[in-house]
Amino acid sequence: MLSKERRFPIQSLPLRGFERKYSKASFFLLKKYPEKEGRARFAVSVAKKVVLKAVDRNILKRLIYRIIQEKFLSLPSGKYFIIIQKTGNQEEIIKDLSSLFYV
């Protein structure tokens, strides 16, 4: 699991007036809010429409956080907000997440 200092609460995202960049892959939508200082911080959101059970949504979030911890901590500073749009098996998710960050 990704440490708490590397995560941020989704409620702290600015709604308007801040620069952000979008990237889209088949399973994910990535919103990046650049920051000049600090570390790369991440948040993951799974809609109830995508995964009905809360237990399964939490398992999916933990999987994404684990993948981020293993592969993507060296990204530039900023807030990375990942929205999961549909689900798949673990290999597809890893491949899609990699393509999302390294485009």
C-alpha atoms as a PDB file:
ATOM      1  CA  MET A   1       0.000   0.000   0.000  1.00  0.00           C
ATOM      2  CA  LEU A   2       1.185   3.476  -0.818  1.00  0.00           C
ATOM      3  CA  SER A   3       2.237   5.480   2.235  1.00  0.00           C
ATOM      4  CA  LYS A   4      -0.074   8.213   3.459  1.00  0.00           C
ATOM      5  CA  GLU A   5       2.405  10.971   2.615  1.00  0.00           C
ATOM      6  CA  ARG A   6       2.221   9.854  -1.032  1.00  0.00           C
ATOM      7  CA  ARG A   7      -1.603   9.955  -1.118  1.00  0.00           C
ATOM      8  CA  PHE A   8      -3.899  12.947  -0.884  1.00  0.00           C
ATOM      9  CA  PRO A   9      -7.605  13.309  -0.130  1.00  0.00           C
ATOM     10  CA  ILE A  10      -9.738  13.777  -3.220  1.00  0.00           C
ATOM     11  CA  GLN A  11     -11.642  16.565  -1.458  1.00  0.00           C
ATOM     12  CA  SER A  12      -8.503  18.735  -1.557  1.00  0.00           C
ATOM     13  CA  LEU A  13      -8.513  18.947  -5.359  1.00  0.00           C
ATOM     14  CA  PRO A  14      -9.144  22.422  -6.740  1.00  0.00           C
ATOM     15  CA  LEU A  15     -12.289  22.603  -8.843  1.00  0.00           C
ATOM     16  CA  ARG A  16     -11.527  25.665 -10.950  1.00  0.00           C
ATOM     17  CA  GLY A  17      -8.751  28.076 -11.762  1.00  0.00           C
ATOM     18  CA  PHE A  18      -5.811  25.669 -11.619  1.00  0.00           C
ATOM     19  CA  GLU A  19      -3.754  24.281 -14.434  1.00  0.00           C
ATOM     20  CA  ARG A  20      -4.281  20.576 -15.041  1.00  0.00           C
ATOM     21  CA  LYS A  21      -3.478  18.098 -17.765  1.00  0.00           C
ATOM     22  CA  TYR A  22      -5.571  15.141 -18.836  1.00  0.00           C
ATOM     23  CA  SER A  23      -4.486  11.763 -20.148  1.00  0.00           C
ATOM     24  CA  LYS A  24      -6.815   8.956 -21.066  1.00  0.00           C
ATOM     25  CA  ALA A  25      -6.325   5.226 -21.451  1.00  0.00           C
ATOM     26  CA  SER A  26      -8.841   2.434 -21.907  1.00  0.00           C
ATOM     27  CA  PHE A  27      -9.312   1.803 -18.154  1.00  0.00           C
ATOM     28  CA  PHE A  28      -8.290   5.147 -16.624  1.00  0.00           C
ATOM     29  CA  LEU A  29      -8.532   8.901 -16.799  1.00  0.00           C
ATOM     30  CA  LEU A  30      -5.560  10.765 -15.293  1.00  0.00           C
ATOM     31  CA  LYS A  31      -5.777  14.366 -14.129  1.00  0.00           C
ATOM     32  CA  LYS A  32      -2.408  15.884 -13.264  1.00  0.00           C
ATOM     33  CA  TYR A  33      -2.144  19.041 -11.199  1.00  0.00           C
ATOM     34  CA  PRO A  34       1.496  20.215 -11.404  1.00  0.00           C
ATOM     35  CA  GLU A  35       3.254  21.612  -8.333  1.00  0.00           C
ATOM     36  CA  LYS A  36       6.635  23.277  -8.115  1.00  0.00           C
ATOM     37  CA  GLU A  37       7.738  21.673  -4.867  1.00  0.00           C
ATOM     38  CA  GLY A  38       7.139  18.456  -3.041  1.00  0.00           C
ATOM     39  CA  ARG A  39       6.615  14.900  -4.140  1.00  0.00           C
ATOM     40  CA  ALA A  40       4.336  13.146  -6.533  1.00  0.00           C
ATOM     41  CA  ARG A  41       1.081  12.421  -4.678  1.00  0.00           C
ATOM     42  CA  PHE A  42      -1.728  10.192  -5.841  1.00  0.00           C
ATOM     43  CA  ALA A  43      -5.470   9.683  -5.394  1.00  0.00           C
ATOM     44  CA  VAL A  44      -7.639   6.960  -6.917  1.00  0.00           C
ATOM     45  CA  SER A  45     -11.379   7.063  -7.454  1.00  0.00           C
ATOM     46  CA  VAL A  46     -13.643   4.173  -8.442  1.00  0.00           C
ATOM     47  CA  ALA A  47     -17.267   4.962  -9.209  1.00  0.00           C
ATOM     48  CA  LYS A  48     -20.078   2.835  -7.876  1.00  0.00           C
ATOM     49  CA  LYS A  49     -21.268   2.377 -11.451  1.00  0.00           C
ATOM     50  CA  VAL A  50     -17.982   0.700 -12.357  1.00  0.00           C
ATOM     51  CA  VAL A  51     -17.731  -1.673  -9.377  1.00  0.00           C
ATOM     52  CA  LEU A  52     -20.880  -2.199  -7.326  1.00  0.00           C
ATOM     53  CA  LYS A  53     -19.492  -3.644  -4.105  1.00  0.00           C
ATOM     54  CA  ALA A  54     -17.446  -1.407  -1.800  1.00  0.00           C
ATOM     55  CA  VAL A  55     -15.169  -4.330  -0.941  1.00  0.00           C
ATOM     56  CA  ASP A  56     -14.284  -4.800  -4.596  1.00  0.00           C
ATOM     57  CA  ARG A  57     -13.739  -1.055  -5.086  1.00  0.00           C
ATOM     58  CA  ASN A  58     -11.298  -1.012  -2.153  1.00  0.00           C
ATOM     59  CA  ILE A  59      -9.447  -4.061  -3.486  1.00  0.00           C
ATOM     60  CA  LEU A  60      -9.092  -2.336  -6.855  1.00  0.00           C
ATOM     61  CA  LYS A  61      -7.820   0.862  -5.204  1.00  0.00           C
ATOM     62  CA  ARG A  62      -5.254  -1.108  -3.203  1.00  0.00           C
ATOM     63  CA  LEU A  63      -4.078  -2.812  -6.389  1.00  0.00           C
ATOM     64  CA  ILE A  64      -3.612   0.546  -8.121  1.00  0.00           C
ATOM     65  CA  TYR A  65      -1.777   2.013  -5.116  1.00  0.00           C
ATOM     66  CA  ARG A  66       0.510  -1.033  -4.999  1.00  0.00           C
ATOM     67  CA  ILE A  67       1.338  -0.690  -8.704  1.00  0.00           C
ATOM     68  CA  ILE A  68       2.076   3.016  -8.203  1.00  0.00           C
ATOM     69  CA  GLN A  69       4.340   2.249  -5.243  1.00  0.00           C
ATOM     70  CA  GLU A  70       6.319  -0.305  -7.238  1.00  0.00           C
ATOM     71  CA  LYS A  71       6.695   1.595 -10.507  1.00  0.00           C
ATOM     72  CA  PHE A  72       5.793   5.270 -10.486  1.00  0.00           C
ATOM     73  CA  LEU A  73       7.208   7.027  -7.408  1.00  0.00           C
ATOM     74  CA  SER A  74       9.898   8.743  -9.493  1.00  0.00           C
ATOM     75  CA  LEU A  75       7.364  10.907 -11.367  1.00  0.00           C
ATOM     76  CA  PRO A  76       7.704  14.706 -11.201  1.00  0.00           C
ATOM     77  CA  SER A  77       6.077  16.528  -8.311  1.00  0.00           C
ATOM     78  CA  GLY A  78       2.364  17.134  -8.580  1.00  0.00           C
ATOM     79  CA  LYS A  79      -0.981  15.641  -7.726  1.00  0.00           C
ATOM     80  CA  TYR A  80      -2.081  12.713  -9.860  1.00  0.00           C
ATOM     81  CA  PHE A  81      -5.793  11.917  -9.716  1.00  0.00           C
ATOM     82  CA  ILE A  82      -6.678   8.571 -11.295  1.00  0.00           C
ATOM     83  CA  ILE A  83     -10.305   7.843 -12.154  1.00  0.00           C
ATOM     84  CA  ILE A  84     -11.070   4.223 -12.973  1.00  0.00           C
ATOM     85  CA  GLN A  85     -13.594   3.997 -15.799  1.00  0.00           C
ATOM     86  CA  LYS A  86     -13.842   0.231 -16.226  1.00  0.00           C
ATOM     87  CA  THR A  87     -12.210  -2.894 -14.835  1.00  0.00           C
ATOM     88  CA  GLY A  88     -10.163  -5.742 -16.247  1.00  0.00           C
ATOM     89  CA  ASN A  89      -7.642  -8.326 -15.146  1.00  0.00           C
ATOM     90  CA  GLN A  90      -4.455  -7.357 -13.331  1.00  0.00           C
ATOM     91  CA  GLU A  91      -2.135  -7.625 -16.362  1.00  0.00           C
ATOM     92  CA  GLU A  92      -4.372  -5.346 -18.448  1.00  0.00           C
ATOM     93  CA  ILE A  93      -4.546  -2.812 -15.619  1.00  0.00           C
ATOM     94  CA  ILE A  94      -0.737  -2.728 -15.212  1.00  0.00           C
ATOM     95  CA  LYS A  95      -0.206  -2.330 -18.961  1.00  0.00           C
ATOM     96  CA  ASP A  96      -2.826   0.401 -19.229  1.00  0.00           C
ATOM     97  CA  LEU A  97      -1.509   2.268 -16.191  1.00  0.00           C
ATOM     98  CA  SER A  98       2.022   2.171 -17.637  1.00  0.00           C
ATOM     99  CA  SER A  99       0.819   3.577 -20.944  1.00  0.00           C
ATOM    100  CA  LEU A 100      -1.026   6.326 -19.075  1.00  0.00           C
ATOM    101  CA  PHE A 101       2.080   7.632 -17.292  1.00  0.00           C
ATOM    102  CA  TYR A 102       4.654   7.132 -20.044  1.00  0.00           C
ATOM    103  CA  VAL A 103       2.946   8.675 -23.067  1.00  0.00           C
END
